Amino acid sequence: MIGIDIERNDRFKDWTDKQITRIFTKTEREYAMKQANPERHLCGFFCVKEALVKALNNQTIEYKKIEVLHTETNMPYIKLSTYVRSLIEPVNATRIDISISHTDEYSTAVVQVI
């Protein structure tokens, strides 16, 4: 199953701390805030979460329980927490592959649940 999402980066530029904290984990927020354009990275993380909703056709996913992390080589991945495993087990999936891309104006993500 595949999901894709695209969003405007500036959508996240003026978000309050309360809005950011509601959707993004502490690790995601810390990663984004260390970057030159934090809104791009927040947008990319949001796109991953939206693309996962689409891939699983599940509108009840709790965004803050989906965490995007990075390998030592900076490749993004979704942490396979107990919550994420509970989402993918009903569809007999064991893996989630993701890709995130950014431009000055947009971020996009593709999620494949395998």
PDB file of N, CA and C in Angstrom:
ATOM      1  N   MET A   1       0.836  -1.170   0.000  1.00  0.00           N
ATOM      2  CA  MET A   1       0.000   0.000   0.000  1.00  0.00           C
ATOM      3  C   MET A   1       0.888   1.242   0.000  1.00  0.00           C
ATOM      4  N   ILE A   2       0.482   2.227  -0.774  1.00  0.00           N
ATOM      5  CA  ILE A   2       1.273   3.441  -0.927  1.00  0.00           C
ATOM      6  C   ILE A   2       0.405   4.659  -0.632  1.00  0.00           C
ATOM      7  N   GLY A   3       1.002   5.631   0.044  1.00  0.00           N
ATOM      8  CA  GLY A   3       0.358   6.910   0.287  1.00  0.00           C
ATOM      9  C   GLY A   3       1.323   8.024  -0.062  1.00  0.00           C
ATOM     10  N   ILE A   4       0.801   9.149  -0.482  1.00  0.00           N
ATOM     11  CA  ILE A   4       1.625  10.304  -0.825  1.00  0.00           C
ATOM     12  C   ILE A   4       0.930  11.560  -0.326  1.00  0.00           C
ATOM     13  N   ASP A   5       1.736  12.561   0.045  1.00  0.00           N
ATOM     14  CA  ASP A   5       1.168  13.839   0.453  1.00  0.00           C
ATOM     15  C   ASP A   5       2.122  14.956   0.059  1.00  0.00           C
ATOM     16  N   ILE A   6       1.586  16.116  -0.204  1.00  0.00           N
ATOM     17  CA  ILE A   6       2.360  17.316  -0.513  1.00  0.00           C
ATOM     18  C   ILE A   6       1.699  18.489   0.184  1.00  0.00           C
ATOM     19  N   GLU A   7       2.514  19.356   0.762  1.00  0.00           N
ATOM     20  CA  GLU A   7       2.008  20.517   1.499  1.00  0.00           C
ATOM     21  C   GLU A   7       2.921  21.711   1.248  1.00  0.00           C
ATOM     22  N   ARG A   8       2.385  22.888   1.437  1.00  0.00           N
ATOM     23  CA  ARG A   8       3.188  24.120   1.363  1.00  0.00           C
ATOM     24  C   ARG A   8       3.972  24.268   2.670  1.00  0.00           C
ATOM     25  N   ASN A   9       5.261  24.547   2.568  1.00  0.00           N
ATOM     26  CA  ASN A   9       6.097  24.711   3.750  1.00  0.00           C
ATOM     27  C   ASN A   9       5.646  25.871   4.633  1.00  0.00           C
ATOM     28  N   ASP A  10       5.217  26.965   4.017  1.00  0.00           N
ATOM     29  CA  ASP A  10       4.861  28.144   4.803  1.00  0.00           C
ATOM     30  C   ASP A  10       3.641  27.921   5.692  1.00  0.00           C
ATOM     31  N   ARG A  11       2.930  26.833   5.455  1.00  0.00           N
ATOM     32  CA  ARG A  11       1.802  26.475   6.316  1.00  0.00           C
ATOM     33  C   ARG A  11       2.259  26.306   7.768  1.00  0.00           C
ATOM     34  N   PHE A  12       3.510  25.892   7.953  1.00  0.00           N
ATOM     35  CA  PHE A  12       4.029  25.595   9.286  1.00  0.00           C
ATOM     36  C   PHE A  12       4.866  26.729   9.873  1.00  0.00           C
ATOM     37  N   LYS A  13       5.056  27.780   9.115  1.00  0.00           N
ATOM     38  CA  LYS A  13       5.930  28.875   9.540  1.00  0.00           C
ATOM     39  C   LYS A  13       5.403  29.624  10.765  1.00  0.00           C
ATOM     40  N   ASP A  14       4.114  29.840  10.818  1.00  0.00           N
ATOM     41  CA  ASP A  14       3.529  30.626  11.904  1.00  0.00           C
ATOM     42  C   ASP A  14       2.768  29.783  12.926  1.00  0.00           C
ATOM     43  N   TRP A  15       3.016  28.514  12.944  1.00  0.00           N
ATOM     44  CA  TRP A  15       2.342  27.669  13.921  1.00  0.00           C
ATOM     45  C   TRP A  15       2.810  28.009  15.330  1.00  0.00           C
ATOM     46  N   THR A  16       1.901  27.924  16.275  1.00  0.00           N
ATOM     47  CA  THR A  16       2.251  28.159  17.676  1.00  0.00           C
ATOM     48  C   THR A  16       2.924  26.910  18.246  1.00  0.00           C
ATOM     49  N   ASP A  17       3.595  27.082  19.374  1.00  0.00           N
ATOM     50  CA  ASP A  17       4.210  25.931  20.048  1.00  0.00           C
ATOM     51  C   ASP A  17       3.158  24.878  20.393  1.00  0.00           C
ATOM     52  N   LYS A  18       1.963  25.333  20.759  1.00  0.00           N
ATOM     53  CA  LYS A  18       0.881  24.406  21.114  1.00  0.00           C
ATOM     54  C   LYS A  18       0.496  23.539  19.910  1.00  0.00           C
ATOM     55  N   GLN A  19       0.392  24.162  18.736  1.00  0.00           N
ATOM     56  CA  GLN A  19       0.052  23.402  17.525  1.00  0.00           C
ATOM     57  C   GLN A  19       1.163  22.410  17.175  1.00  0.00           C
ATOM     58  N   ILE A  20       2.392  22.857  17.253  1.00  0.00           N
ATOM     59  CA  ILE A  20       3.533  21.995  16.915  1.00  0.00           C
ATOM     60  C   ILE A  20       3.623  20.823  17.886  1.00  0.00           C
ATOM     61  N   THR A  21       3.462  21.115  19.177  1.00  0.00           N
ATOM     62  CA  THR A  21       3.561  20.073  20.202  1.00  0.00           C
ATOM     63  C   THR A  21       2.444  19.036  20.076  1.00  0.00           C
ATOM     64  N   ARG A  22       1.308  19.451  19.570  1.00  0.00           N
ATOM     65  CA  ARG A  22       0.165  18.537  19.429  1.00  0.00           C
ATOM     66  C   ARG A  22       0.408  17.466  18.361  1.00  0.00           C
ATOM     67  N   ILE A  23       1.211  17.777  17.348  1.00  0.00           N
ATOM     68  CA  ILE A  23       1.382  16.868  16.208  1.00  0.00           C
ATOM     69  C   ILE A  23       2.754  16.202  16.152  1.00  0.00           C
ATOM     70  N   PHE A  24       3.787  16.912  16.600  1.00  0.00           N
ATOM     71  CA  PHE A  24       5.148  16.412  16.430  1.00  0.00           C
ATOM     72  C   PHE A  24       5.757  15.969  17.756  1.00  0.00           C
ATOM     73  N   THR A  25       6.566  14.910  17.696  1.00  0.00           N
ATOM     74  CA  THR A  25       7.235  14.423  18.902  1.00  0.00           C
ATOM     75  C   THR A  25       8.370  15.373  19.272  1.00  0.00           C
ATOM     76  N   LYS A  26       8.873  15.219  20.470  1.00  0.00           N
ATOM     77  CA  LYS A  26       9.991  16.050  20.940  1.00  0.00           C
ATOM     78  C   LYS A  26      11.200  15.886  20.019  1.00  0.00           C
ATOM     79  N   THR A  27      11.493  14.667  19.622  1.00  0.00           N
ATOM     80  CA  THR A  27      12.633  14.401  18.743  1.00  0.00           C
ATOM     81  C   THR A  27      12.453  15.072  17.391  1.00  0.00           C
ATOM     82  N   GLU A  28      11.259  15.004  16.825  1.00  0.00           N
ATOM     83  CA  GLU A  28      10.982  15.666  15.541  1.00  0.00           C
ATOM     84  C   GLU A  28      11.144  17.183  15.668  1.00  0.00           C
ATOM     85  N   ARG A  29      10.607  17.743  16.740  1.00  0.00           N
ATOM     86  CA  ARG A  29      10.712  19.194  16.945  1.00  0.00           C
ATOM     87  C   ARG A  29      12.170  19.621  17.090  1.00  0.00           C
ATOM     88  N   GLU A  30      12.924  18.877  17.881  1.00  0.00           N
ATOM     89  CA  GLU A  30      14.336  19.212  18.085  1.00  0.00           C
ATOM     90  C   GLU A  30      15.117  19.127  16.781  1.00  0.00           C
ATOM     91  N   TYR A  31      14.858  18.089  16.002  1.00  0.00           N
ATOM     92  CA  TYR A  31      15.543  17.937  14.711  1.00  0.00           C
ATOM     93  C   TYR A  31      15.225  19.124  13.802  1.00  0.00           C
ATOM     94  N   ALA A  32      13.948  19.450  13.681  1.00  0.00           N
ATOM     95  CA  ALA A  32      13.529  20.535  12.782  1.00  0.00           C
ATOM     96  C   ALA A  32      14.126  21.873  13.215  1.00  0.00           C
ATOM     97  N   MET A  33      14.120  22.148  14.510  1.00  0.00           N
ATOM     98  CA  MET A  33      14.587  23.446  14.995  1.00  0.00           C
ATOM     99  C   MET A  33      16.093  23.638  14.820  1.00  0.00           C
ATOM    100  N   LYS A  34      16.837  22.571  14.614  1.00  0.00           N
ATOM    101  CA  LYS A  34      18.276  22.667  14.369  1.00  0.00           C
ATOM    102  C   LYS A  34      18.587  23.000  12.908  1.00  0.00           C
ATOM    103  N   GLN A  35      17.581  22.945  12.050  1.00  0.00           N
ATOM    104  CA  GLN A  35      17.770  23.149  10.611  1.00  0.00           C
ATOM    105  C   GLN A  35      17.587  24.622  10.239  1.00  0.00           C
ATOM    106  N   ALA A  36      18.157  25.005   9.107  1.00  0.00           N
ATOM    107  CA  ALA A  36      18.066  26.393   8.635  1.00  0.00           C
ATOM    108  C   ALA A  36      16.615  26.814   8.375  1.00  0.00           C
ATOM    109  N   ASN A  37      15.791  25.885   7.884  1.00  0.00           N
ATOM    110  CA  ASN A  37      14.384  26.161   7.590  1.00  0.00           C
ATOM    111  C   ASN A  37      13.515  25.125   8.319  1.00  0.00           C
ATOM    112  N   PRO A  38      13.271  25.336   9.610  1.00  0.00           N
ATOM    113  CA  PRO A  38      12.530  24.331  10.389  1.00  0.00           C
ATOM    114  C   PRO A  38      11.176  23.971   9.804  1.00  0.00           C
ATOM    115  N   GLU A  39      10.497  24.964   9.197  1.00  0.00           N
ATOM    116  CA  GLU A  39       9.159  24.689   8.660  1.00  0.00           C
ATOM    117  C   GLU A  39       9.199  23.641   7.554  1.00  0.00           C
ATOM    118  N   ARG A  40      10.270  23.580   6.787  1.00  0.00           N
ATOM    119  CA  ARG A  40      10.403  22.548   5.741  1.00  0.00           C
ATOM    120  C   ARG A  40      10.395  21.158   6.352  1.00  0.00           C
ATOM    121  N   HIS A  41      11.114  21.011   7.438  1.00  0.00           N
ATOM    122  CA  HIS A  41      11.243  19.694   8.057  1.00  0.00           C
ATOM    123  C   HIS A  41       9.970  19.302   8.795  1.00  0.00           C
ATOM    124  N   LEU A  42       9.348  20.266   9.463  1.00  0.00           N
ATOM    125  CA  LEU A  42       8.054  19.987  10.087  1.00  0.00           C
ATOM    126  C   LEU A  42       7.045  19.590   9.021  1.00  0.00           C
ATOM    127  N   CYS A  43       7.061  20.300   7.913  1.00  0.00           N
ATOM    128  CA  CYS A  43       6.155  20.000   6.810  1.00  0.00           C
ATOM    129  C   CYS A  43       6.414  18.595   6.266  1.00  0.00           C
ATOM    130  N   GLY A  44       7.675  18.251   6.103  1.00  0.00           N
ATOM    131  CA  GLY A  44       8.020  16.910   5.622  1.00  0.00           C
ATOM    132  C   GLY A  44       7.537  15.825   6.568  1.00  0.00           C
ATOM    133  N   PHE A  45       7.725  16.043   7.874  1.00  0.00           N
ATOM    134  CA  PHE A  45       7.248  15.067   8.868  1.00  0.00           C
ATOM    135  C   PHE A  45       5.730  14.948   8.800  1.00  0.00           C
ATOM    136  N   PHE A  46       5.049  16.085   8.655  1.00  0.00           N
ATOM    137  CA  PHE A  46       3.597  16.076   8.540  1.00  0.00           C
ATOM    138  C   PHE A  46       3.162  15.290   7.299  1.00  0.00           C
ATOM    139  N   CYS A  47       3.865  15.496   6.196  1.00  0.00           N
ATOM    140  CA  CYS A  47       3.547  14.777   4.958  1.00  0.00           C
ATOM    141  C   CYS A  47       3.690  13.269   5.141  1.00  0.00           C
ATOM    142  N   VAL A  48       4.701  12.847   5.895  1.00  0.00           N
ATOM    143  CA  VAL A  48       4.867  11.419   6.174  1.00  0.00           C
ATOM    144  C   VAL A  48       3.645  10.886   6.923  1.00  0.00           C
ATOM    145  N   LYS A  49       3.213  11.609   7.929  1.00  0.00           N
ATOM    146  CA  LYS A  49       2.074  11.173   8.732  1.00  0.00           C
ATOM    147  C   LYS A  49       0.795  11.123   7.890  1.00  0.00           C
ATOM    148  N   GLU A  50       0.599  12.125   7.056  1.00  0.00           N
ATOM    149  CA  GLU A  50      -0.569  12.141   6.161  1.00  0.00           C
ATOM    150  C   GLU A  50      -0.489  11.002   5.137  1.00  0.00           C
ATOM    151  N   ALA A  51       0.691  10.766   4.597  1.00  0.00           N
ATOM    152  CA  ALA A  51       0.851   9.695   3.612  1.00  0.00           C
ATOM    153  C   ALA A  51       0.598   8.331   4.251  1.00  0.00           C
ATOM    154  N   LEU A  52       0.960   8.161   5.516  1.00  0.00           N
ATOM    155  CA  LEU A  52       0.679   6.902   6.215  1.00  0.00           C
ATOM    156  C   LEU A  52      -0.823   6.718   6.390  1.00  0.00           C
ATOM    157  N   VAL A  53      -1.528   7.791   6.726  1.00  0.00           N
ATOM    158  CA  VAL A  53      -3.001   7.743   6.825  1.00  0.00           C
ATOM    159  C   VAL A  53      -3.581   7.248   5.502  1.00  0.00           C
ATOM    160  N   LYS A  54      -3.078   7.798   4.397  1.00  0.00           N
ATOM    161  CA  LYS A  54      -3.584   7.418   3.081  1.00  0.00           C
ATOM    162  C   LYS A  54      -3.213   5.990   2.718  1.00  0.00           C
ATOM    163  N   ALA A  55      -1.993   5.577   3.032  1.00  0.00           N
ATOM    164  CA  ALA A  55      -1.565   4.214   2.705  1.00  0.00           C
ATOM    165  C   ALA A  55      -2.403   3.183   3.452  1.00  0.00           C
ATOM    166  N   LEU A  56      -2.736   3.483   4.693  1.00  0.00           N
ATOM    167  CA  LEU A  56      -3.507   2.531   5.507  1.00  0.00           C
ATOM    168  C   LEU A  56      -5.010   2.773   5.446  1.00  0.00           C
ATOM    169  N   ASN A  57      -5.416   3.861   4.771  1.00  0.00           N
ATOM    170  CA  ASN A  57      -6.829   4.232   4.711  1.00  0.00           C
ATOM    171  C   ASN A  57      -7.433   4.256   6.115  1.00  0.00           C
ATOM    172  N   ASN A  58      -6.711   4.956   7.010  1.00  0.00           N
ATOM    173  CA  ASN A  58      -7.091   4.985   8.421  1.00  0.00           C
ATOM    174  C   ASN A  58      -7.085   6.435   8.909  1.00  0.00           C
ATOM    175  N   GLN A  59      -8.239   7.022   9.047  1.00  0.00           N
ATOM    176  CA  GLN A  59      -8.368   8.422   9.455  1.00  0.00           C
ATOM    177  C   GLN A  59      -8.228   8.622  10.966  1.00  0.00           C
ATOM    178  N   THR A  60      -8.084   7.548  11.732  1.00  0.00           N
ATOM    179  CA  THR A  60      -8.024   7.674  13.190  1.00  0.00           C
ATOM    180  C   THR A  60      -6.590   7.654  13.727  1.00  0.00           C
ATOM    181  N   ILE A  61      -5.616   7.709  12.864  1.00  0.00           N
ATOM    182  CA  ILE A  61      -4.215   7.676  13.291  1.00  0.00           C
ATOM    183  C   ILE A  61      -3.902   8.917  14.125  1.00  0.00           C
ATOM    184  N   GLU A  62      -3.222   8.688  15.242  1.00  0.00           N
ATOM    185  CA  GLU A  62      -2.790   9.775  16.116  1.00  0.00           C
ATOM    186  C   GLU A  62      -1.408  10.223  15.666  1.00  0.00           C
ATOM    187  N   TYR A  63      -1.336  11.417  15.089  1.00  0.00           N
ATOM    188  CA  TYR A  63      -0.099  11.894  14.462  1.00  0.00           C
ATOM    189  C   TYR A  63       1.092  11.918  15.408  1.00  0.00           C
ATOM    190  N   LYS A  64       0.881  12.314  16.644  1.00  0.00           N
ATOM    191  CA  LYS A  64       2.001  12.432  17.571  1.00  0.00           C
ATOM    192  C   LYS A  64       2.579  11.066  17.931  1.00  0.00           C
ATOM    193  N   LYS A  65       1.833  10.004  17.697  1.00  0.00           N
ATOM    194  CA  LYS A  65       2.332   8.659  17.988  1.00  0.00           C
ATOM    195  C   LYS A  65       3.111   8.069  16.814  1.00  0.00           C
ATOM    196  N   ILE A  66       3.198   8.811  15.716  1.00  0.00           N
ATOM    197  CA  ILE A  66       4.011   8.419  14.563  1.00  0.00           C
ATOM    198  C   ILE A  66       5.268   9.270  14.630  1.00  0.00           C
ATOM    199  N   GLU A  67       6.422   8.639  14.727  1.00  0.00           N
ATOM    200  CA  GLU A  67       7.660   9.404  14.874  1.00  0.00           C
ATOM    201  C   GLU A  67       8.606   9.139  13.709  1.00  0.00           C
ATOM    202  N   VAL A  68       9.024  10.228  13.074  1.00  0.00           N
ATOM    203  CA  VAL A  68       9.996  10.151  11.984  1.00  0.00           C
ATOM    204  C   VAL A  68      11.373  10.419  12.575  1.00  0.00           C
ATOM    205  N   LEU A  69      12.261   9.474  12.379  1.00  0.00           N
ATOM    206  CA  LEU A  69      13.637   9.591  12.854  1.00  0.00           C
ATOM    207  C   LEU A  69      14.577   9.534  11.657  1.00  0.00           C
ATOM    208  N   HIS A  70      15.874   9.629  11.920  1.00  0.00           N
ATOM    209  CA  HIS A  70      16.875   9.579  10.852  1.00  0.00           C
ATOM    210  C   HIS A  70      18.003   8.623  11.237  1.00  0.00           C
ATOM    211  N   THR A  71      18.493   7.894  10.243  1.00  0.00           N
ATOM    212  CA  THR A  71      19.644   7.023  10.462  1.00  0.00           C
ATOM    213  C   THR A  71      20.897   7.888  10.598  1.00  0.00           C
ATOM    214  N   GLU A  72      22.021   7.249  10.862  1.00  0.00           N
ATOM    215  CA  GLU A  72      23.291   7.972  10.959  1.00  0.00           C
ATOM    216  C   GLU A  72      23.649   8.657   9.646  1.00  0.00           C
ATOM    217  N   THR A  73      23.137   8.134   8.536  1.00  0.00           N
ATOM    218  CA  THR A  73      23.399   8.745   7.222  1.00  0.00           C
ATOM    219  C   THR A  73      22.284   9.701   6.814  1.00  0.00           C
ATOM    220  N   ASN A  74      21.426  10.051   7.786  1.00  0.00           N
ATOM    221  CA  ASN A  74      20.351  11.028   7.619  1.00  0.00           C
ATOM    222  C   ASN A  74      19.186  10.539   6.753  1.00  0.00           C
ATOM    223  N   MET A  75      19.029   9.237   6.617  1.00  0.00           N
ATOM    224  CA  MET A  75      17.888   8.680   5.889  1.00  0.00           C
ATOM    225  C   MET A  75      16.687   8.613   6.844  1.00  0.00           C
ATOM    226  N   PRO A  76      15.534   9.178   6.445  1.00  0.00           N
ATOM    227  CA  PRO A  76      14.381   9.167   7.343  1.00  0.00           C
ATOM    228  C   PRO A  76      13.704   7.798   7.384  1.00  0.00           C
ATOM    229  N   TYR A  77      13.115   7.525   8.546  1.00  0.00           N
ATOM    230  CA  TYR A  77      12.325   6.303   8.704  1.00  0.00           C
ATOM    231  C   TYR A  77      11.293   6.516   9.796  1.00  0.00           C
ATOM    232  N   ILE A  78      10.244   5.704   9.782  1.00  0.00           N
ATOM    233  CA  ILE A  78       9.231   5.742  10.832  1.00  0.00           C
ATOM    234  C   ILE A  78       9.619   4.735  11.901  1.00  0.00           C
ATOM    235  N   LYS A  79       9.678   5.201  13.125  1.00  0.00           N
ATOM    236  CA  LYS A  79       9.988   4.326  14.258  1.00  0.00           C
ATOM    237  C   LYS A  79       8.864   3.295  14.400  1.00  0.00           C
ATOM    238  N   LEU A  80       9.239   2.030  14.452  1.00  0.00           N
ATOM    239  CA  LEU A  80       8.238   0.963  14.572  1.00  0.00           C
ATOM    240  C   LEU A  80       7.883   0.735  16.040  1.00  0.00           C
ATOM    241  N   SER A  81       7.209   1.707  16.600  1.00  0.00           N
ATOM    242  CA  SER A  81       6.756   1.636  17.983  1.00  0.00           C
ATOM    243  C   SER A  81       5.617   0.622  18.101  1.00  0.00           C
ATOM    244  N   THR A  82       5.218   0.361  19.318  1.00  0.00           N
ATOM    245  CA  THR A  82       4.076  -0.537  19.552  1.00  0.00           C
ATOM    246  C   THR A  82       2.838   0.007  18.842  1.00  0.00           C
ATOM    247  N   TYR A  83       2.657   1.315  18.893  1.00  0.00           N
ATOM    248  CA  TYR A  83       1.501   1.921  18.238  1.00  0.00           C
ATOM    249  C   TYR A  83       1.548   1.715  16.727  1.00  0.00           C
ATOM    250  N   VAL A  84       2.681   1.977  16.112  1.00  0.00           N
ATOM    251  CA  VAL A  84       2.801   1.816  14.654  1.00  0.00           C
ATOM    252  C   VAL A  84       2.619   0.346  14.273  1.00  0.00           C
ATOM    253  N   ARG A  85       3.191  -0.544  15.045  1.00  0.00           N
ATOM    254  CA  ARG A  85       3.000  -1.977  14.758  1.00  0.00           C
ATOM    255  C   ARG A  85       1.528  -2.358  14.821  1.00  0.00           C
ATOM    256  N   SER A  86       0.786  -1.753  15.755  1.00  0.00           N
ATOM    257  CA  SER A  86      -0.648  -2.056  15.858  1.00  0.00           C
ATOM    258  C   SER A  86      -1.417  -1.561  14.634  1.00  0.00           C
ATOM    259  N   LEU A  87      -0.888  -0.558  13.945  1.00  0.00           N
ATOM    260  CA  LEU A  87      -1.526  -0.050  12.732  1.00  0.00           C
ATOM    261  C   LEU A  87      -1.258  -0.941  11.525  1.00  0.00           C
ATOM    262  N   ILE A  88      -0.054  -1.498  11.443  1.00  0.00           N
ATOM    263  CA  ILE A  88       0.315  -2.244  10.238  1.00  0.00           C
ATOM    264  C   ILE A  88       0.066  -3.749  10.336  1.00  0.00           C
ATOM    265  N   GLU A  89      -0.038  -4.279  11.552  1.00  0.00           N
ATOM    266  CA  GLU A  89      -0.287  -5.721  11.694  1.00  0.00           C
ATOM    267  C   GLU A  89      -1.610  -6.171  11.068  1.00  0.00           C
ATOM    268  N   PRO A  90      -2.713  -5.415  11.199  1.00  0.00           N
ATOM    269  CA  PRO A  90      -3.970  -5.863  10.593  1.00  0.00           C
ATOM    270  C   PRO A  90      -3.912  -6.006   9.067  1.00  0.00           C
ATOM    271  N   VAL A  91      -2.959  -5.363   8.433  1.00  0.00           N
ATOM    272  CA  VAL A  91      -2.833  -5.487   6.978  1.00  0.00           C
ATOM    273  C   VAL A  91      -1.655  -6.401   6.609  1.00  0.00           C
ATOM    274  N   ASN A  92      -1.205  -7.170   7.608  1.00  0.00           N
ATOM    275  CA  ASN A  92      -0.113  -8.141   7.426  1.00  0.00           C
ATOM    276  C   ASN A  92       1.172  -7.505   6.899  1.00  0.00           C
ATOM    277  N   ALA A  93       1.435  -6.283   7.329  1.00  0.00           N
ATOM    278  CA  ALA A  93       2.659  -5.590   6.922  1.00  0.00           C
ATOM    279  C   ALA A  93       3.695  -5.700   8.034  1.00  0.00           C
ATOM    280  N   THR A  94       4.950  -5.658   7.651  1.00  0.00           N
ATOM    281  CA  THR A  94       6.039  -5.727   8.625  1.00  0.00           C
ATOM    282  C   THR A  94       7.039  -4.594   8.465  1.00  0.00           C
ATOM    283  N   ARG A  95       6.851  -3.800   7.418  1.00  0.00           N
ATOM    284  CA  ARG A  95       7.834  -2.758   7.121  1.00  0.00           C
ATOM    285  C   ARG A  95       7.145  -1.527   6.546  1.00  0.00           C
ATOM    286  N   ILE A  96       7.750  -0.374   6.805  1.00  0.00           N
ATOM    287  CA  ILE A  96       7.284   0.885   6.219  1.00  0.00           C
ATOM    288  C   ILE A  96       8.499   1.577   5.618  1.00  0.00           C
ATOM    289  N   ASP A  97       8.429   1.876   4.335  1.00  0.00           N
ATOM    290  CA  ASP A  97       9.475   2.647   3.667  1.00  0.00           C
ATOM    291  C   ASP A  97       8.942   4.047   3.416  1.00  0.00           C
ATOM    292  N   ILE A  98       9.811   5.049   3.616  1.00  0.00           N
ATOM    293  CA  ILE A  98       9.382   6.425   3.367  1.00  0.00           C
ATOM    294  C   ILE A  98      10.438   7.185   2.576  1.00  0.00           C
ATOM    295  N   SER A  99       9.979   8.220   1.905  1.00  0.00           N
ATOM    296  CA  SER A  99      10.850   9.156   1.220  1.00  0.00           C
ATOM    297  C   SER A  99      10.255  10.546   1.398  1.00  0.00           C
ATOM    298  N   ILE A 100      11.127  11.515   1.720  1.00  0.00           N
ATOM    299  CA  ILE A 100      10.710  12.900   1.911  1.00  0.00           C
ATOM    300  C   ILE A 100      11.530  13.780   0.972  1.00  0.00           C
ATOM    301  N   SER A 101      10.874  14.739   0.322  1.00  0.00           N
ATOM    302  CA  SER A 101      11.571  15.709  -0.519  1.00  0.00           C
ATOM    303  C   SER A 101      11.072  17.107  -0.199  1.00  0.00           C
ATOM    304  N   HIS A 102      11.969  18.085  -0.380  1.00  0.00           N
ATOM    305  CA  HIS A 102      11.648  19.481  -0.096  1.00  0.00           C
ATOM    306  C   HIS A 102      12.071  20.369  -1.264  1.00  0.00           C
ATOM    307  N   THR A 103      11.301  21.416  -1.492  1.00  0.00           N
ATOM    308  CA  THR A 103      11.730  22.536  -2.325  1.00  0.00           C
ATOM    309  C   THR A 103      11.581  23.776  -1.445  1.00  0.00           C
ATOM    310  N   ASP A 104      11.837  24.947  -1.996  1.00  0.00           N
ATOM    311  CA  ASP A 104      11.648  26.163  -1.216  1.00  0.00           C
ATOM    312  C   ASP A 104      10.194  26.335  -0.794  1.00  0.00           C
ATOM    313  N   GLU A 105       9.267  25.896  -1.639  1.00  0.00           N
ATOM    314  CA  GLU A 105       7.843  26.117  -1.370  1.00  0.00           C
ATOM    315  C   GLU A 105       7.088  24.913  -0.830  1.00  0.00           C
ATOM    316  N   TYR A 106       7.490  23.707  -1.204  1.00  0.00           N
ATOM    317  CA  TYR A 106       6.719  22.497  -0.871  1.00  0.00           C
ATOM    318  C   TYR A 106       7.582  21.409  -0.269  1.00  0.00           C
ATOM    319  N   SER A 107       6.922  20.569   0.510  1.00  0.00           N
ATOM    320  CA  SER A 107       7.498  19.303   0.960  1.00  0.00           C
ATOM    321  C   SER A 107       6.532  18.209   0.573  1.00  0.00           C
ATOM    322  N   THR A 108       7.089  17.053   0.317  1.00  0.00           N
ATOM    323  CA  THR A 108       6.264  15.900  -0.056  1.00  0.00           C
ATOM    324  C   THR A 108       6.842  14.650   0.570  1.00  0.00           C
ATOM    325  N   ALA A 109       6.003  13.654   0.741  1.00  0.00           N
ATOM    326  CA  ALA A 109       6.451  12.368   1.271  1.00  0.00           C
ATOM    327  C   ALA A 109       5.665  11.248   0.613  1.00  0.00           C
ATOM    328  N   VAL A 110       6.360  10.152   0.446  1.00  0.00           N
ATOM    329  CA  VAL A 110       5.756   8.912  -0.038  1.00  0.00           C
ATOM    330  C   VAL A 110       5.978   7.857   1.050  1.00  0.00           C
ATOM    331  N   VAL A 111       4.935   7.106   1.363  1.00  0.00           N
ATOM    332  CA  VAL A 111       5.019   6.039   2.342  1.00  0.00           C
ATOM    333  C   VAL A 111       4.538   4.754   1.685  1.00  0.00           C
ATOM    334  N   GLN A 112       5.336   3.707   1.823  1.00  0.00           N
ATOM    335  CA  GLN A 112       4.942   2.392   1.331  1.00  0.00           C
ATOM    336  C   GLN A 112       4.910   1.439   2.510  1.00  0.00           C
ATOM    337  N   VAL A 113       3.757   0.835   2.734  1.00  0.00           N
ATOM    338  CA  VAL A 113       3.572  -0.141   3.799  1.00  0.00           C
ATOM    339  C   VAL A 113       3.659  -1.526   3.158  1.00  0.00           C
ATOM    340  N   ILE A 114       4.636  -2.297   3.592  1.00  0.00           N
ATOM    341  CA  ILE A 114       4.924  -3.589   2.962  1.00  0.00           C
ATOM    342  C   ILE A 114       4.726  -4.727   3.954  1.00  0.00           C
TER     343      ILE A 114
END
